[in-house]
């Protein structure tokens, strides 16, 4: 989710969209989820960490906070790795989701030969913010 918001600006997004267009057949669809605005704070318990175990290693990513920065949403997470022997490594990880709205994404998609095909809303949950999914189709 929010892949296109990880890029540092329009040129990077356009390169990604060109690559997507090059890999779609005519009529093929792509869907991009974006967060168009910072959600209102909620008064509830923080979400549980995302976790996964692979070959005895446990990986955890716990959201700590999200705040509006200059043209972006800054998301901080505590990432933990536990080895099969029980050794713990931790790091604070921060990522910026650059501001992007559906209208801008649809305009950029048109510029690379993708036709907007509508939007879908993903409602927020206790664990995730709500998002807008922008659907685009490869023009024949």
N, C-alpha and C. Protein backbone atom coordinates (compact mmCIF):
# COMPACT_ATOMS: atom_id res chain seq x y z
N UNK A 1 0.84 -1.18 0.00
CA UNK A 1 0.00 0.00 0.00
C UNK A 1 0.88 1.25 0.00
N UNK A 2 0.40 2.29 -0.60
CA UNK A 2 1.05 3.58 -0.68
C UNK A 2 2.40 3.54 -1.41
N UNK A 3 2.63 2.56 -2.27
CA UNK A 3 3.88 2.44 -3.01
C UNK A 3 4.25 3.75 -3.69
N UNK A 4 3.32 4.34 -4.44
CA UNK A 4 3.64 5.53 -5.20
C UNK A 4 3.98 6.72 -4.30
N UNK A 5 3.55 6.69 -3.06
CA UNK A 5 3.84 7.79 -2.14
C UNK A 5 5.24 7.67 -1.53
N UNK A 6 5.92 6.57 -1.78
CA UNK A 6 7.30 6.42 -1.30
C UNK A 6 8.30 7.11 -2.22
N UNK A 7 7.90 7.36 -3.48
CA UNK A 7 8.80 8.01 -4.43
C UNK A 7 8.97 9.48 -4.08
N UNK A 8 10.11 10.05 -4.46
CA UNK A 8 10.45 11.41 -4.03
C UNK A 8 9.82 12.52 -4.87
N UNK A 9 9.04 12.20 -5.86
CA UNK A 9 8.39 13.25 -6.64
C UNK A 9 7.77 12.73 -7.91
N UNK A 10 7.22 13.64 -8.73
CA UNK A 10 6.52 13.25 -9.94
C UNK A 10 7.36 12.46 -10.93
N UNK A 11 8.64 12.82 -11.13
CA UNK A 11 9.45 12.10 -12.11
C UNK A 11 9.62 10.63 -11.72
N UNK A 12 9.86 10.39 -10.44
CA UNK A 12 10.01 9.00 -9.97
C UNK A 12 8.70 8.23 -10.12
N UNK A 13 7.59 8.89 -9.77
CA UNK A 13 6.29 8.22 -9.94
C UNK A 13 6.02 7.91 -11.40
N UNK A 14 6.34 8.87 -12.30
CA UNK A 14 6.12 8.65 -13.73
C UNK A 14 6.95 7.48 -14.25
N UNK A 15 8.19 7.36 -13.78
CA UNK A 15 9.02 6.21 -14.19
C UNK A 15 8.36 4.90 -13.75
N UNK A 16 7.85 4.87 -12.54
CA UNK A 16 7.16 3.68 -12.05
C UNK A 16 5.92 3.39 -12.88
N UNK A 17 5.12 4.42 -13.14
CA UNK A 17 3.90 4.23 -13.92
C UNK A 17 4.22 3.77 -15.35
N UNK A 18 5.30 4.30 -15.94
CA UNK A 18 5.71 3.83 -17.29
C UNK A 18 6.06 2.34 -17.25
N UNK A 19 6.75 1.93 -16.21
CA UNK A 19 7.12 0.52 -16.06
C UNK A 19 5.87 -0.35 -15.92
N UNK A 20 4.92 0.10 -15.11
CA UNK A 20 3.65 -0.63 -14.97
C UNK A 20 2.97 -0.73 -16.32
N UNK A 21 2.87 0.39 -17.04
CA UNK A 21 2.21 0.40 -18.35
C UNK A 21 2.90 -0.56 -19.32
N UNK A 22 4.23 -0.62 -19.26
CA UNK A 22 4.98 -1.50 -20.17
C UNK A 22 4.71 -2.97 -19.88
N UNK A 23 4.34 -3.30 -18.67
CA UNK A 23 4.13 -4.70 -18.30
C UNK A 23 2.67 -5.14 -18.36
N UNK A 24 1.78 -4.22 -18.62
CA UNK A 24 0.36 -4.58 -18.75
C UNK A 24 0.03 -4.84 -20.21
N UNK A 25 -0.85 -5.79 -20.46
CA UNK A 25 -1.39 -5.99 -21.80
C UNK A 25 -2.53 -4.99 -21.99
N UNK A 26 -2.91 -4.74 -23.21
CA UNK A 26 -4.02 -3.83 -23.49
C UNK A 26 -5.25 -4.30 -22.70
N UNK A 27 -5.87 -3.39 -21.98
CA UNK A 27 -7.02 -3.73 -21.16
C UNK A 27 -6.66 -4.20 -19.76
N UNK A 28 -5.36 -4.41 -19.50
CA UNK A 28 -4.93 -4.84 -18.17
C UNK A 28 -5.10 -3.74 -17.14
N UNK A 29 -5.41 -4.12 -15.91
CA UNK A 29 -5.66 -3.16 -14.84
C UNK A 29 -4.54 -3.16 -13.82
N UNK A 30 -4.31 -1.99 -13.23
CA UNK A 30 -3.43 -1.86 -12.07
C UNK A 30 -4.20 -1.05 -11.03
N UNK A 31 -3.93 -1.33 -9.77
CA UNK A 31 -4.59 -0.64 -8.67
C UNK A 31 -3.53 -0.06 -7.74
N UNK A 32 -3.70 1.20 -7.37
CA UNK A 32 -2.75 1.88 -6.50
C UNK A 32 -3.49 2.46 -5.30
N UNK A 33 -3.10 2.03 -4.10
CA UNK A 33 -3.71 2.56 -2.87
C UNK A 33 -2.90 3.75 -2.39
N UNK A 34 -3.59 4.83 -2.07
CA UNK A 34 -2.93 6.04 -1.56
C UNK A 34 -3.68 6.56 -0.34
N UNK A 35 -2.96 7.25 0.51
CA UNK A 35 -3.56 7.98 1.62
C UNK A 35 -3.59 9.44 1.18
N UNK A 36 -4.79 9.98 1.00
CA UNK A 36 -4.91 11.33 0.48
C UNK A 36 -4.77 12.41 1.55
N UNK A 37 -5.04 12.06 2.81
CA UNK A 37 -4.90 13.05 3.88
C UNK A 37 -4.66 12.33 5.19
N UNK A 38 -4.09 13.06 6.12
CA UNK A 38 -3.83 12.49 7.44
C UNK A 38 -5.15 12.21 8.13
N UNK A 39 -5.34 11.00 8.62
CA UNK A 39 -6.60 10.69 9.30
C UNK A 39 -6.70 11.41 10.64
N UNK A 40 -7.92 11.57 11.10
CA UNK A 40 -8.14 12.16 12.41
C UNK A 40 -7.65 11.18 13.47
N UNK A 41 -7.05 11.71 14.55
CA UNK A 41 -6.62 10.82 15.63
C UNK A 41 -7.81 10.09 16.23
N UNK A 42 -7.59 8.87 16.63
CA UNK A 42 -8.63 8.09 17.28
C UNK A 42 -8.17 7.78 18.70
N UNK A 43 -9.14 7.67 19.57
CA UNK A 43 -8.84 7.40 20.97
C UNK A 43 -9.04 5.91 21.21
N UNK A 44 -8.05 5.12 20.77
CA UNK A 44 -8.13 3.67 20.96
C UNK A 44 -6.73 3.13 21.19
N UNK A 45 -6.69 1.88 21.54
CA UNK A 45 -5.40 1.23 21.77
C UNK A 45 -4.61 1.20 20.47
N UNK A 46 -3.28 1.29 20.54
CA UNK A 46 -2.49 1.22 19.31
C UNK A 46 -2.65 -0.15 18.66
N UNK A 47 -2.46 -0.21 17.35
CA UNK A 47 -2.60 -1.49 16.67
C UNK A 47 -1.48 -2.45 17.09
N UNK A 48 -1.73 -3.74 16.98
CA UNK A 48 -0.66 -4.69 17.28
C UNK A 48 0.41 -4.63 16.20
N UNK A 49 1.61 -5.11 16.49
CA UNK A 49 2.66 -5.08 15.47
C UNK A 49 2.36 -6.06 14.35
N UNK A 50 2.87 -5.74 13.15
CA UNK A 50 2.87 -6.72 12.07
C UNK A 50 4.00 -7.69 12.40
N UNK A 51 3.72 -8.98 12.37
CA UNK A 51 4.75 -9.96 12.71
C UNK A 51 4.77 -11.09 11.69
N UNK A 52 5.93 -11.71 11.61
CA UNK A 52 6.09 -12.86 10.72
C UNK A 52 7.26 -13.69 11.23
N UNK A 53 7.12 -15.00 11.13
CA UNK A 53 8.21 -15.90 11.49
C UNK A 53 8.67 -16.64 10.24
N UNK A 54 9.98 -16.64 10.02
CA UNK A 54 10.57 -17.32 8.87
C UNK A 54 11.81 -18.08 9.37
N UNK A 55 11.78 -19.40 9.23
CA UNK A 55 12.92 -20.23 9.60
C UNK A 55 13.41 -19.95 11.02
N UNK A 56 12.50 -19.76 11.95
CA UNK A 56 12.88 -19.54 13.33
C UNK A 56 13.17 -18.09 13.68
N UNK A 57 13.27 -17.21 12.69
CA UNK A 57 13.47 -15.78 12.92
C UNK A 57 12.10 -15.13 13.04
N UNK A 58 11.94 -14.23 14.00
CA UNK A 58 10.68 -13.50 14.17
C UNK A 58 10.93 -12.04 13.83
N UNK A 59 10.10 -11.51 12.94
CA UNK A 59 10.19 -10.12 12.50
C UNK A 59 8.94 -9.39 12.97
N UNK A 60 9.13 -8.21 13.53
CA UNK A 60 8.02 -7.43 14.07
C UNK A 60 8.20 -5.97 13.65
N UNK A 61 7.09 -5.34 13.29
CA UNK A 61 7.11 -3.93 12.93
C UNK A 61 5.92 -3.27 13.62
N UNK A 62 6.21 -2.43 14.61
CA UNK A 62 5.18 -1.80 15.43
C UNK A 62 5.06 -0.32 15.10
N UNK A 63 3.89 0.13 14.65
CA UNK A 63 3.72 1.57 14.41
C UNK A 63 3.78 2.33 15.74
N UNK A 64 4.58 3.39 15.75
CA UNK A 64 4.72 4.21 16.96
C UNK A 64 3.91 5.48 16.82
N UNK A 65 4.11 6.20 15.70
CA UNK A 65 3.31 7.39 15.47
C UNK A 65 3.36 7.78 14.00
N UNK A 66 2.46 8.68 13.66
CA UNK A 66 2.41 9.25 12.31
C UNK A 66 2.10 10.73 12.49
N UNK A 67 2.82 11.56 11.74
CA UNK A 67 2.59 13.00 11.85
C UNK A 67 2.77 13.66 10.48
N UNK A 68 2.12 14.79 10.34
CA UNK A 68 2.21 15.52 9.08
C UNK A 68 3.51 16.30 9.07
N UNK A 69 4.29 16.11 8.00
CA UNK A 69 5.51 16.86 7.79
C UNK A 69 5.29 17.84 6.66
N UNK A 70 6.36 18.33 6.09
CA UNK A 70 6.27 19.26 4.97
C UNK A 70 5.94 18.48 3.70
N UNK A 71 4.68 18.44 3.33
CA UNK A 71 4.25 17.74 2.13
C UNK A 71 4.26 16.23 2.25
N UNK A 72 4.29 15.71 3.48
CA UNK A 72 4.32 14.27 3.64
C UNK A 72 3.73 13.87 4.99
N UNK A 73 3.48 12.58 5.11
CA UNK A 73 3.12 11.98 6.39
C UNK A 73 4.33 11.17 6.82
N UNK A 74 4.88 11.48 7.99
CA UNK A 74 6.04 10.77 8.52
C UNK A 74 5.53 9.64 9.42
N UNK A 75 5.89 8.41 9.09
CA UNK A 75 5.45 7.25 9.86
C UNK A 75 6.68 6.65 10.55
N UNK A 76 6.60 6.51 11.88
CA UNK A 76 7.69 5.88 12.63
C UNK A 76 7.23 4.52 13.14
N UNK A 77 8.14 3.55 13.00
CA UNK A 77 7.87 2.19 13.44
C UNK A 77 9.07 1.67 14.21
N UNK A 78 8.81 0.80 15.16
CA UNK A 78 9.87 0.08 15.85
C UNK A 78 9.95 -1.30 15.19
N UNK A 79 11.09 -1.58 14.58
CA UNK A 79 11.29 -2.86 13.93
C UNK A 79 12.18 -3.73 14.82
N UNK A 80 11.73 -4.94 15.04
CA UNK A 80 12.47 -5.88 15.88
C UNK A 80 12.69 -7.17 15.12
N UNK A 81 13.86 -7.76 15.35
CA UNK A 81 14.18 -9.07 14.81
C UNK A 81 14.67 -9.93 15.96
N UNK A 82 14.09 -11.11 16.10
CA UNK A 82 14.52 -12.04 17.13
C UNK A 82 15.06 -13.28 16.43
N UNK A 83 16.31 -13.61 16.71
CA UNK A 83 16.96 -14.77 16.09
C UNK A 83 16.42 -16.06 16.70
N UNK A 84 16.68 -17.19 16.07
CA UNK A 84 16.26 -18.47 16.65
C UNK A 84 16.87 -18.70 18.04
N UNK A 85 18.00 -18.05 18.35
CA UNK A 85 18.62 -18.18 19.67
C UNK A 85 18.04 -17.20 20.69
N UNK A 86 17.12 -16.34 20.26
CA UNK A 86 16.50 -15.38 21.17
C UNK A 86 17.19 -14.03 21.22
N UNK A 87 18.17 -13.79 20.36
CA UNK A 87 18.85 -12.50 20.34
C UNK A 87 17.95 -11.46 19.67
N UNK A 88 17.83 -10.31 20.33
CA UNK A 88 16.94 -9.25 19.87
C UNK A 88 17.73 -8.11 19.25
N UNK A 89 17.30 -7.67 18.07
CA UNK A 89 17.83 -6.45 17.45
C UNK A 89 16.64 -5.53 17.22
N UNK A 90 16.86 -4.21 17.49
CA UNK A 90 15.81 -3.23 17.32
C UNK A 90 16.33 -2.03 16.55
N UNK A 91 15.44 -1.41 15.79
CA UNK A 91 15.77 -0.14 15.15
C UNK A 91 14.50 0.67 14.97
N UNK A 92 14.65 1.98 15.11
CA UNK A 92 13.55 2.89 14.77
C UNK A 92 13.63 3.14 13.27
N UNK A 93 12.50 3.04 12.61
CA UNK A 93 12.45 3.20 11.16
C UNK A 93 11.43 4.28 10.86
N UNK A 94 11.81 5.23 10.03
CA UNK A 94 10.89 6.30 9.64
C UNK A 94 10.79 6.34 8.13
N UNK A 95 9.57 6.46 7.66
CA UNK A 95 9.34 6.55 6.23
C UNK A 95 8.40 7.72 5.97
N UNK A 96 8.63 8.40 4.85
CA UNK A 96 7.78 9.52 4.46
C UNK A 96 6.86 9.08 3.33
N UNK A 97 5.58 9.28 3.53
CA UNK A 97 4.59 9.08 2.47
C UNK A 97 4.32 10.46 1.89
N UNK A 98 4.81 10.70 0.67
CA UNK A 98 4.65 12.02 0.06
C UNK A 98 3.19 12.28 -0.28
N UNK A 99 2.82 13.54 -0.21
CA UNK A 99 1.45 13.94 -0.52
C UNK A 99 1.12 13.54 -1.96
N UNK A 100 -0.02 12.93 -2.14
CA UNK A 100 -0.50 12.53 -3.47
C UNK A 100 -2.01 12.36 -3.38
N UNK A 101 -2.72 13.00 -4.30
CA UNK A 101 -4.17 12.82 -4.34
C UNK A 101 -4.56 12.07 -5.60
N UNK A 102 -5.78 11.59 -5.61
CA UNK A 102 -6.25 10.77 -6.72
C UNK A 102 -6.25 11.53 -8.04
N UNK A 103 -6.60 12.80 -8.02
CA UNK A 103 -6.62 13.59 -9.26
C UNK A 103 -5.23 13.67 -9.87
N UNK A 104 -4.21 13.92 -9.06
CA UNK A 104 -2.83 13.98 -9.56
C UNK A 104 -2.39 12.63 -10.10
N UNK A 105 -2.69 11.57 -9.37
CA UNK A 105 -2.32 10.22 -9.83
C UNK A 105 -2.99 9.89 -11.16
N UNK A 106 -4.26 10.23 -11.31
CA UNK A 106 -4.95 9.96 -12.57
C UNK A 106 -4.34 10.76 -13.72
N UNK A 107 -3.98 12.00 -13.47
CA UNK A 107 -3.33 12.83 -14.49
C UNK A 107 -1.99 12.22 -14.91
N UNK A 108 -1.19 11.79 -13.94
CA UNK A 108 0.11 11.19 -14.25
C UNK A 108 -0.07 9.87 -15.00
N UNK A 109 -1.09 9.10 -14.63
CA UNK A 109 -1.36 7.83 -15.32
C UNK A 109 -1.71 8.09 -16.80
N UNK A 110 -2.53 9.09 -17.06
CA UNK A 110 -2.88 9.42 -18.44
C UNK A 110 -1.63 9.76 -19.26
N UNK A 111 -0.69 10.44 -18.63
CA UNK A 111 0.53 10.87 -19.33
C UNK A 111 1.37 9.70 -19.82
N UNK A 112 1.18 8.51 -19.24
CA UNK A 112 1.98 7.35 -19.65
C UNK A 112 1.12 6.28 -20.33
N UNK A 113 -0.09 6.65 -20.77
CA UNK A 113 -0.92 5.71 -21.52
C UNK A 113 -1.80 4.81 -20.68
N UNK A 114 -2.09 5.23 -19.46
CA UNK A 114 -3.01 4.48 -18.61
C UNK A 114 -4.28 5.31 -18.43
N UNK A 115 -5.42 4.66 -18.55
CA UNK A 115 -6.72 5.36 -18.45
C UNK A 115 -7.32 5.12 -17.06
N UNK A 116 -7.66 6.19 -16.35
CA UNK A 116 -8.33 6.01 -15.05
C UNK A 116 -9.65 5.26 -15.22
N UNK A 117 -9.89 4.30 -14.33
CA UNK A 117 -11.08 3.45 -14.42
C UNK A 117 -11.91 3.49 -13.14
N UNK A 118 -11.69 4.51 -12.33
CA UNK A 118 -12.49 4.65 -11.12
C UNK A 118 -11.65 4.56 -9.86
N UNK A 119 -12.35 4.71 -8.77
CA UNK A 119 -11.72 4.69 -7.46
C UNK A 119 -12.53 3.80 -6.53
N UNK A 120 -11.85 3.27 -5.56
CA UNK A 120 -12.50 2.48 -4.51
C UNK A 120 -12.00 2.99 -3.16
N UNK A 121 -12.86 3.00 -2.19
CA UNK A 121 -12.46 3.42 -0.85
C UNK A 121 -12.19 2.20 0.01
N UNK A 122 -11.11 2.26 0.77
CA UNK A 122 -10.83 1.24 1.78
C UNK A 122 -11.05 1.92 3.12
N UNK A 123 -12.02 1.43 3.85
CA UNK A 123 -12.36 2.04 5.14
C UNK A 123 -11.24 1.81 6.15
N UNK A 124 -11.06 2.76 7.05
CA UNK A 124 -10.07 2.54 8.10
C UNK A 124 -10.49 1.42 9.04
N UNK A 125 -9.51 0.79 9.64
CA UNK A 125 -9.76 -0.23 10.66
C UNK A 125 -8.97 0.16 11.90
N UNK A 126 -9.03 -0.65 12.92
CA UNK A 126 -8.23 -0.39 14.12
C UNK A 126 -6.74 -0.49 13.82
N UNK A 127 -6.38 -1.23 12.77
CA UNK A 127 -4.97 -1.47 12.47
C UNK A 127 -4.43 -0.62 11.32
N UNK A 128 -5.30 -0.06 10.48
CA UNK A 128 -4.83 0.64 9.28
C UNK A 128 -5.67 1.88 9.01
N UNK A 129 -5.03 2.88 8.40
CA UNK A 129 -5.76 4.08 7.98
C UNK A 129 -6.57 3.76 6.73
N UNK A 130 -7.55 4.56 6.47
CA UNK A 130 -8.32 4.40 5.24
C UNK A 130 -7.50 4.86 4.04
N UNK A 131 -7.83 4.32 2.89
CA UNK A 131 -7.09 4.64 1.67
C UNK A 131 -8.06 4.80 0.51
N UNK A 132 -7.57 5.43 -0.55
CA UNK A 132 -8.27 5.50 -1.82
C UNK A 132 -7.50 4.63 -2.80
N UNK A 133 -8.17 3.73 -3.48
CA UNK A 133 -7.55 2.90 -4.51
C UNK A 133 -7.92 3.50 -5.85
N UNK A 134 -6.90 3.84 -6.63
CA UNK A 134 -7.10 4.38 -7.97
C UNK A 134 -6.83 3.26 -8.96
N UNK A 135 -7.83 2.95 -9.79
CA UNK A 135 -7.71 1.90 -10.80
C UNK A 135 -7.36 2.53 -12.13
N UNK A 136 -6.42 1.92 -12.83
CA UNK A 136 -6.04 2.40 -14.16
C UNK A 136 -5.94 1.23 -15.10
N UNK A 137 -6.21 1.49 -16.38
CA UNK A 137 -6.22 0.46 -17.41
C UNK A 137 -5.23 0.83 -18.52
N UNK A 138 -4.53 -0.17 -19.04
CA UNK A 138 -3.63 0.05 -20.17
C UNK A 138 -4.47 0.31 -21.41
N UNK A 139 -4.21 1.43 -22.06
CA UNK A 139 -4.92 1.79 -23.28
C UNK A 139 -4.37 0.94 -24.42
N UNK A 140 -5.27 0.46 -25.27
CA UNK A 140 -4.86 -0.40 -26.40
C UNK A 140 -3.96 0.32 -27.36
